[in-house]
Amino acid sequence: MIVDVSQKTERLRKDSESIIKHQERLQTTAADLLKDVHDKKSAIQYTQDQAKELVHTIKNSQEHIMHAFKQSNTDKYKV
């Protein structure tokens, strides 16, 4: 009877250790996933900012071209 209780206690201890290790791995995985999501979000934001900057540059270039054509009285070359 005492041996049986001792064996069950040992088994519970091992199971508890296994559960704790598994939980630690899950926490590490979750932290890695959150970091990955944050990195991807930052990359998307950077790409969006670059796209907005490109659109702004294109609009400025278009305005400069239109102004130059108007100054040279060549409105037939409208962009």
PDB file of N, CA and C in Angstrom:
ATOM      1  N   MET A   1       0.816  -1.191   0.000  1.00  0.00           N
ATOM      2  CA  MET A   1       0.000   0.000   0.000  1.00  0.00           C
ATOM      3  C   MET A   1       0.865   1.263   0.000  1.00  0.00           C
ATOM      4  N   ILE A   2       1.866   1.338   0.869  1.00  0.00           N
ATOM      5  CA  ILE A   2       2.746   2.504   0.932  1.00  0.00           C
ATOM      6  C   ILE A   2       3.564   2.617  -0.349  1.00  0.00           C
ATOM      7  N   VAL A   3       3.994   1.496  -0.880  1.00  0.00           N
ATOM      8  CA  VAL A   3       4.759   1.494  -2.128  1.00  0.00           C
ATOM      9  C   VAL A   3       3.880   2.001  -3.261  1.00  0.00           C
ATOM     10  N   ASP A   4       2.619   1.583  -3.285  1.00  0.00           N
ATOM     11  CA  ASP A   4       1.679   2.008  -4.319  1.00  0.00           C
ATOM     12  C   ASP A   4       1.467   3.525  -4.268  1.00  0.00           C
ATOM     13  N   VAL A   5       1.294   4.065  -3.075  1.00  0.00           N
ATOM     14  CA  VAL A   5       1.116   5.511  -2.902  1.00  0.00           C
ATOM     15  C   VAL A   5       2.390   6.240  -3.319  1.00  0.00           C
ATOM     16  N   SER A   6       3.525   5.707  -2.969  1.00  0.00           N
ATOM     17  CA  SER A   6       4.801   6.310  -3.327  1.00  0.00           C
ATOM     18  C   SER A   6       4.985   6.326  -4.848  1.00  0.00           C
ATOM     19  N   GLN A   7       4.607   5.233  -5.502  1.00  0.00           N
ATOM     20  CA  GLN A   7       4.722   5.166  -6.960  1.00  0.00           C
ATOM     21  C   GLN A   7       3.780   6.172  -7.625  1.00  0.00           C
ATOM     22  N   LYS A   8       2.569   6.273  -7.097  1.00  0.00           N
ATOM     23  CA  LYS A   8       1.607   7.233  -7.657  1.00  0.00           C
ATOM     24  C   LYS A   8       2.083   8.669  -7.437  1.00  0.00           C
ATOM     25  N   THR A   9       2.663   8.921  -6.278  1.00  0.00           N
ATOM     26  CA  THR A   9       3.199  10.249  -5.987  1.00  0.00           C
ATOM     27  C   THR A   9       4.332  10.588  -6.952  1.00  0.00           C
ATOM     28  N   GLU A  10       5.204   9.626  -7.181  1.00  0.00           N
ATOM     29  CA  GLU A  10       6.318   9.838  -8.119  1.00  0.00           C
ATOM     30  C   GLU A  10       5.791  10.086  -9.530  1.00  0.00           C
ATOM     31  N   ARG A  11       4.790   9.336  -9.919  1.00  0.00           N
ATOM     32  CA  ARG A  11       4.194   9.506 -11.252  1.00  0.00           C
ATOM     33  C   ARG A  11       3.562  10.892 -11.379  1.00  0.00           C
ATOM     34  N   LEU A  12       2.869  11.341 -10.347  1.00  0.00           N
ATOM     35  CA  LEU A  12       2.269  12.678 -10.353  1.00  0.00           C
ATOM     36  C   LEU A  12       3.345  13.763 -10.447  1.00  0.00           C
ATOM     37  N   ARG A  13       4.444  13.566  -9.746  1.00  0.00           N
ATOM     38  CA  ARG A  13       5.544  14.523  -9.796  1.00  0.00           C
ATOM     39  C   ARG A  13       6.106  14.616 -11.213  1.00  0.00           C
ATOM     40  N   LYS A  14       6.319  13.455 -11.832  1.00  0.00           N
ATOM     41  CA  LYS A  14       6.845  13.436 -13.200  1.00  0.00           C
ATOM     42  C   LYS A  14       5.854  14.072 -14.177  1.00  0.00           C
ATOM     43  N   ASP A  15       4.575  13.767 -13.993  1.00  0.00           N
ATOM     44  CA  ASP A  15       3.551  14.371 -14.849  1.00  0.00           C
ATOM     45  C   ASP A  15       3.528  15.891 -14.686  1.00  0.00           C
ATOM     46  N   SER A  16       3.653  16.337 -13.444  1.00  0.00           N
ATOM     47  CA  SER A  16       3.672  17.782 -13.174  1.00  0.00           C
ATOM     48  C   SER A  16       4.868  18.444 -13.846  1.00  0.00           C
ATOM     49  N   GLU A  17       6.028  17.822 -13.754  1.00  0.00           N
ATOM     50  CA  GLU A  17       7.224  18.362 -14.406  1.00  0.00           C
ATOM     51  C   GLU A  17       7.036  18.421 -15.919  1.00  0.00           C
ATOM     52  N   SER A  18       6.441  17.379 -16.461  1.00  0.00           N
ATOM     53  CA  SER A  18       6.197  17.334 -17.895  1.00  0.00           C
ATOM     54  C   SER A  18       5.231  18.447 -18.319  1.00  0.00           C
ATOM     55  N   ILE A  19       4.199  18.647 -17.532  1.00  0.00           N
ATOM     56  CA  ILE A  19       3.224  19.703 -17.828  1.00  0.00           C
ATOM     57  C   ILE A  19       3.885  21.072 -17.761  1.00  0.00           C
ATOM     58  N   ILE A  20       4.721  21.282 -16.761  1.00  0.00           N
ATOM     59  CA  ILE A  20       5.417  22.563 -16.612  1.00  0.00           C
ATOM     60  C   ILE A  20       6.337  22.816 -17.803  1.00  0.00           C
ATOM     61  N   LYS A  21       7.076  21.802 -18.238  1.00  0.00           N
ATOM     62  CA  LYS A  21       7.967  21.953 -19.396  1.00  0.00           C
ATOM     63  C   LYS A  21       7.161  22.267 -20.655  1.00  0.00           C
ATOM     64  N   HIS A  22       6.048  21.568 -20.819  1.00  0.00           N
ATOM     65  CA  HIS A  22       5.196  21.797 -21.982  1.00  0.00           C
ATOM     66  C   HIS A  22       4.640  23.227 -21.954  1.00  0.00           C
ATOM     67  N   GLN A  23       4.224  23.678 -20.784  1.00  0.00           N
ATOM     68  CA  GLN A  23       3.706  25.034 -20.642  1.00  0.00           C
ATOM     69  C   GLN A  23       4.788  26.067 -20.968  1.00  0.00           C
ATOM     70  N   GLU A  24       6.008  25.823 -20.542  1.00  0.00           N
ATOM     71  CA  GLU A  24       7.115  26.734 -20.857  1.00  0.00           C
ATOM     72  C   GLU A  24       7.359  26.796 -22.360  1.00  0.00           C
ATOM     73  N   ARG A  25       7.298  25.633 -23.022  1.00  0.00           N
ATOM     74  CA  ARG A  25       7.472  25.608 -24.482  1.00  0.00           C
ATOM     75  C   ARG A  25       6.352  26.381 -25.169  1.00  0.00           C
ATOM     76  N   LEU A  26       5.128  26.213 -24.670  1.00  0.00           N
ATOM     77  CA  LEU A  26       3.997  26.943 -25.245  1.00  0.00           C
ATOM     78  C   LEU A  26       4.164  28.453 -25.063  1.00  0.00           C
ATOM     79  N   GLN A  27       4.640  28.858 -23.895  1.00  0.00           N
ATOM     80  CA  GLN A  27       4.858  30.284 -23.646  1.00  0.00           C
ATOM     81  C   GLN A  27       5.938  30.840 -24.565  1.00  0.00           C
ATOM     82  N   THR A  28       6.992  30.071 -24.764  1.00  0.00           N
ATOM     83  CA  THR A  28       8.056  30.496 -25.669  1.00  0.00           C
ATOM     84  C   THR A  28       7.528  30.611 -27.092  1.00  0.00           C
ATOM     85  N   THR A  29       6.748  29.619 -27.514  1.00  0.00           N
ATOM     86  CA  THR A  29       6.164  29.645 -28.852  1.00  0.00           C
ATOM     87  C   THR A  29       5.241  30.845 -29.013  1.00  0.00           C
ATOM     88  N   ALA A  30       4.417  31.106 -28.015  1.00  0.00           N
ATOM     89  CA  ALA A  30       3.504  32.250 -28.069  1.00  0.00           C
ATOM     90  C   ALA A  30       4.283  33.561 -28.152  1.00  0.00           C
ATOM     91  N   ALA A  31       5.337  33.681 -27.379  1.00  0.00           N
ATOM     92  CA  ALA A  31       6.163  34.894 -27.414  1.00  0.00           C
ATOM     93  C   ALA A  31       6.817  35.063 -28.786  1.00  0.00           C
ATOM     94  N   ASP A  32       7.307  33.974 -29.352  1.00  0.00           N
ATOM     95  CA  ASP A  32       7.912  34.030 -30.685  1.00  0.00           C
ATOM     96  C   ASP A  32       6.884  34.432 -31.736  1.00  0.00           C
ATOM     97  N   LEU A  33       5.674  33.891 -31.625  1.00  0.00           N
ATOM     98  CA  LEU A  33       4.612  34.246 -32.568  1.00  0.00           C
ATOM     99  C   LEU A  33       4.247  35.725 -32.457  1.00  0.00           C
ATOM    100  N   LEU A  34       4.145  36.219 -31.238  1.00  0.00           N
ATOM    101  CA  LEU A  34       3.831  37.638 -31.046  1.00  0.00           C
ATOM    102  C   LEU A  34       4.920  38.529 -31.632  1.00  0.00           C
ATOM    103  N   LYS A  35       6.179  38.138 -31.449  1.00  0.00           N
ATOM    104  CA  LYS A  35       7.281  38.908 -32.024  1.00  0.00           C
ATOM    105  C   LYS A  35       7.210  38.880 -33.546  1.00  0.00           C
ATOM    106  N   ASP A  36       6.913  37.707 -34.107  1.00  0.00           N
ATOM    107  CA  ASP A  36       6.802  37.570 -35.553  1.00  0.00           C
ATOM    108  C   ASP A  36       5.669  38.446 -36.097  1.00  0.00           C
ATOM    109  N   VAL A  37       4.530  38.435 -35.403  1.00  0.00           N
ATOM    110  CA  VAL A  37       3.396  39.269 -35.816  1.00  0.00           C
ATOM    111  C   VAL A  37       3.794  40.747 -35.762  1.00  0.00           C
ATOM    112  N   HIS A  38       4.470  41.138 -34.698  1.00  0.00           N
ATOM    113  CA  HIS A  38       4.912  42.532 -34.568  1.00  0.00           C
ATOM    114  C   HIS A  38       5.877  42.907 -35.700  1.00  0.00           C
ATOM    115  N   ASP A  39       6.818  42.021 -36.004  1.00  0.00           N
ATOM    116  CA  ASP A  39       7.778  42.281 -37.084  1.00  0.00           C
ATOM    117  C   ASP A  39       7.070  42.427 -38.428  1.00  0.00           C
ATOM    118  N   LYS A  40       6.106  41.549 -38.676  1.00  0.00           N
ATOM    119  CA  LYS A  40       5.361  41.612 -39.939  1.00  0.00           C
ATOM    120  C   LYS A  40       4.515  42.886 -40.004  1.00  0.00           C
ATOM    121  N   LYS A  41       3.917  43.254 -38.883  1.00  0.00           N
ATOM    122  CA  LYS A  41       3.131  44.484 -38.830  1.00  0.00           C
ATOM    123  C   LYS A  41       4.019  45.690 -39.115  1.00  0.00           C
ATOM    124  N   SER A  42       5.206  45.702 -38.551  1.00  0.00           N
ATOM    125  CA  SER A  42       6.155  46.796 -38.793  1.00  0.00           C
ATOM    126  C   SER A  42       6.567  46.843 -40.263  1.00  0.00           C
ATOM    127  N   ALA A  43       6.788  45.679 -40.854  1.00  0.00           N
ATOM    128  CA  ALA A  43       7.172  45.622 -42.271  1.00  0.00           C
ATOM    129  C   ALA A  43       6.040  46.131 -43.158  1.00  0.00           C
ATOM    130  N   ILE A  44       4.812  45.764 -42.826  1.00  0.00           N
ATOM    131  CA  ILE A  44       3.654  46.234 -43.595  1.00  0.00           C
ATOM    132  C   ILE A  44       3.527  47.746 -43.470  1.00  0.00           C
ATOM    133  N   GLN A  45       3.675  48.253 -42.261  1.00  0.00           N
ATOM    134  CA  GLN A  45       3.589  49.702 -42.045  1.00  0.00           C
ATOM    135  C   GLN A  45       4.670  50.427 -42.836  1.00  0.00           C
ATOM    136  N   TYR A  46       5.884  49.891 -42.839  1.00  0.00           N
ATOM    137  CA  TYR A  46       6.983  50.494 -43.596  1.00  0.00           C
ATOM    138  C   TYR A  46       6.646  50.524 -45.089  1.00  0.00           C
ATOM    139  N   THR A  47       6.111  49.415 -45.602  1.00  0.00           N
ATOM    140  CA  THR A  47       5.750  49.335 -47.016  1.00  0.00           C
ATOM    141  C   THR A  47       4.655  50.340 -47.351  1.00  0.00           C
ATOM    142  N   GLN A  48       3.662  50.454 -46.470  1.00  0.00           N
ATOM    143  CA  GLN A  48       2.588  51.425 -46.697  1.00  0.00           C
ATOM    144  C   GLN A  48       3.134  52.851 -46.698  1.00  0.00           C
ATOM    145  N   ASP A  49       4.025  53.144 -45.774  1.00  0.00           N
ATOM    146  CA  ASP A  49       4.624  54.479 -45.719  1.00  0.00           C
ATOM    147  C   ASP A  49       5.429  54.770 -46.982  1.00  0.00           C
ATOM    148  N   GLN A  50       6.166  53.768 -47.462  1.00  0.00           N
ATOM    149  CA  GLN A  50       6.942  53.943 -48.691  1.00  0.00           C
ATOM    150  C   GLN A  50       6.014  54.181 -49.882  1.00  0.00           C
ATOM    151  N   ALA A  51       4.895  53.458 -49.929  1.00  0.00           N
ATOM    152  CA  ALA A  51       3.934  53.625 -51.023  1.00  0.00           C
ATOM    153  C   ALA A  51       3.329  55.033 -50.990  1.00  0.00           C
ATOM    154  N   LYS A  52       2.981  55.513 -49.806  1.00  0.00           N
ATOM    155  CA  LYS A  52       2.433  56.870 -49.679  1.00  0.00           C
ATOM    156  C   LYS A  52       3.455  57.905 -50.126  1.00  0.00           C
ATOM    157  N   GLU A  53       4.700  57.698 -49.747  1.00  0.00           N
ATOM    158  CA  GLU A  53       5.764  58.620 -50.146  1.00  0.00           C
ATOM    159  C   GLU A  53       5.950  58.608 -51.661  1.00  0.00           C
ATOM    160  N   LEU A  54       5.874  57.438 -52.268  1.00  0.00           N
ATOM    161  CA  LEU A  54       6.001  57.328 -53.720  1.00  0.00           C
ATOM    162  C   LEU A  54       4.862  58.061 -54.421  1.00  0.00           C
ATOM    163  N   VAL A  55       3.632  57.877 -53.939  1.00  0.00           N
ATOM    164  CA  VAL A  55       2.480  58.568 -54.524  1.00  0.00           C
ATOM    165  C   VAL A  55       2.670  60.079 -54.410  1.00  0.00           C
ATOM    166  N   HIS A  56       3.119  60.532 -53.264  1.00  0.00           N
ATOM    167  CA  HIS A  56       3.362  61.964 -53.057  1.00  0.00           C
ATOM    168  C   HIS A  56       4.428  62.474 -54.033  1.00  0.00           C
ATOM    169  N   THR A  57       5.498  61.723 -54.205  1.00  0.00           N
ATOM    170  CA  THR A  57       6.569  62.111 -55.129  1.00  0.00           C
ATOM    171  C   THR A  57       6.054  62.169 -56.563  1.00  0.00           C
ATOM    172  N   ILE A  58       5.231  61.195 -56.939  1.00  0.00           N
ATOM    173  CA  ILE A  58       4.667  61.173 -58.299  1.00  0.00           C
ATOM    174  C   ILE A  58       3.774  62.389 -58.521  1.00  0.00           C
ATOM    175  N   LYS A  59       2.947  62.709 -57.532  1.00  0.00           N
ATOM    176  CA  LYS A  59       2.064  63.879 -57.659  1.00  0.00           C
ATOM    177  C   LYS A  59       2.877  65.162 -57.781  1.00  0.00           C
ATOM    178  N   ASN A  60       3.925  65.286 -56.986  1.00  0.00           N
ATOM    179  CA  ASN A  60       4.789  66.472 -57.083  1.00  0.00           C
ATOM    180  C   ASN A  60       5.451  66.557 -58.451  1.00  0.00           C
ATOM    181  N   SER A  61       5.924  65.434 -58.953  1.00  0.00           N
ATOM    182  CA  SER A  61       6.554  65.410 -60.276  1.00  0.00           C
ATOM    183  C   SER A  61       5.547  65.798 -61.346  1.00  0.00           C
ATOM    184  N   GLN A  62       4.342  65.291 -61.219  1.00  0.00           N
ATOM    185  CA  GLN A  62       3.291  65.607 -62.189  1.00  0.00           C
ATOM    186  C   GLN A  62       3.003  67.114 -62.174  1.00  0.00           C
ATOM    187  N   GLU A  63       2.932  67.696 -60.988  1.00  0.00           N
ATOM    188  CA  GLU A  63       2.687  69.137 -60.883  1.00  0.00           C
ATOM    189  C   GLU A  63       3.831  69.932 -61.506  1.00  0.00           C
ATOM    190  N   HIS A  64       5.060  69.515 -61.287  1.00  0.00           N
ATOM    191  CA  HIS A  64       6.214  70.211 -61.876  1.00  0.00           C
ATOM    192  C   HIS A  64       6.182  70.113 -63.400  1.00  0.00           C
ATOM    193  N   ILE A  65       5.834  68.952 -63.901  1.00  0.00           N
ATOM    194  CA  ILE A  65       5.770  68.758 -65.355  1.00  0.00           C
ATOM    195  C   ILE A  65       4.677  69.634 -65.952  1.00  0.00           C
ATOM    196  N   MET A  66       3.498  69.642 -65.318  1.00  0.00           N
ATOM    197  CA  MET A  66       2.395  70.460 -65.821  1.00  0.00           C
ATOM    198  C   MET A  66       2.786  71.941 -65.805  1.00  0.00           C
ATOM    199  N   HIS A  67       3.431  72.362 -64.748  1.00  0.00           N
ATOM    200  CA  HIS A  67       3.864  73.760 -64.648  1.00  0.00           C
ATOM    201  C   HIS A  67       4.875  74.084 -65.754  1.00  0.00           C
ATOM    202  N   ALA A  68       5.801  73.191 -65.998  1.00  0.00           N
ATOM    203  CA  ALA A  68       6.807  73.407 -67.047  1.00  0.00           C
ATOM    204  C   ALA A  68       6.156  73.475 -68.417  1.00  0.00           C
ATOM    205  N   PHE A  69       5.180  72.598 -68.691  1.00  0.00           N
ATOM    206  CA  PHE A  69       4.497  72.625 -69.986  1.00  0.00           C
ATOM    207  C   PHE A  69       3.704  73.912 -70.154  1.00  0.00           C
ATOM    208  N   LYS A  70       3.070  74.359 -69.088  1.00  0.00           N
ATOM    209  CA  LYS A  70       2.292  75.598 -69.173  1.00  0.00           C
ATOM    210  C   LYS A  70       3.205  76.791 -69.428  1.00  0.00           C
ATOM    211  N   GLN A  71       4.365  76.790 -68.808  1.00  0.00           N
ATOM    212  CA  GLN A  71       5.301  77.894 -69.021  1.00  0.00           C
ATOM    213  C   GLN A  71       5.817  77.924 -70.453  1.00  0.00           C
ATOM    214  N   SER A  72       5.910  76.774 -71.068  1.00  0.00           N
ATOM    215  CA  SER A  72       6.421  76.735 -72.441  1.00  0.00           C
ATOM    216  C   SER A  72       5.282  76.761 -73.452  1.00  0.00           C
ATOM    217  N   ASN A  73       4.051  77.049 -72.962  1.00  0.00           N
ATOM    218  CA  ASN A  73       2.865  77.146 -73.825  1.00  0.00           C
ATOM    219  C   ASN A  73       2.651  75.894 -74.657  1.00  0.00           C
ATOM    220  N   THR A  74       2.870  74.742 -74.071  1.00  0.00           N
ATOM    221  CA  THR A  74       2.648  73.484 -74.788  1.00  0.00           C
ATOM    222  C   THR A  74       1.624  72.653 -74.027  1.00  0.00           C
ATOM    223  N   ASP A  75       0.436  73.201 -73.871  1.00  0.00           N
ATOM    224  CA  ASP A  75      -0.622  72.508 -73.137  1.00  0.00           C
ATOM    225  C   ASP A  75      -1.045  71.212 -73.826  1.00  0.00           C
ATOM    226  N   LYS A  76      -0.651  71.010 -75.064  1.00  0.00           N
ATOM    227  CA  LYS A  76      -1.023  69.767 -75.751  1.00  0.00           C
ATOM    228  C   LYS A  76      -0.340  68.544 -75.143  1.00  0.00           C
ATOM    229  N   TYR A  77       0.667  68.735 -74.303  1.00  0.00           N
ATOM    230  CA  TYR A  77       1.386  67.623 -73.668  1.00  0.00           C
ATOM    231  C   TYR A  77       0.902  67.361 -72.248  1.00  0.00           C
ATOM    232  N   LYS A  78      -0.349  67.572 -71.987  1.00  0.00           N
ATOM    233  CA  LYS A  78      -0.860  67.376 -70.629  1.00  0.00           C
ATOM    234  C   LYS A  78      -0.643  65.947 -70.161  1.00  0.00           C
ATOM    235  N   VAL A  79      -0.350  65.844 -68.880  1.00  0.00           N
ATOM    236  CA  VAL A  79      -0.109  64.524 -68.279  1.00  0.00           C
ATOM    237  C   VAL A  79      -1.373  64.069 -67.595  1.00  0.00           C
TER     238      VAL A  79
END
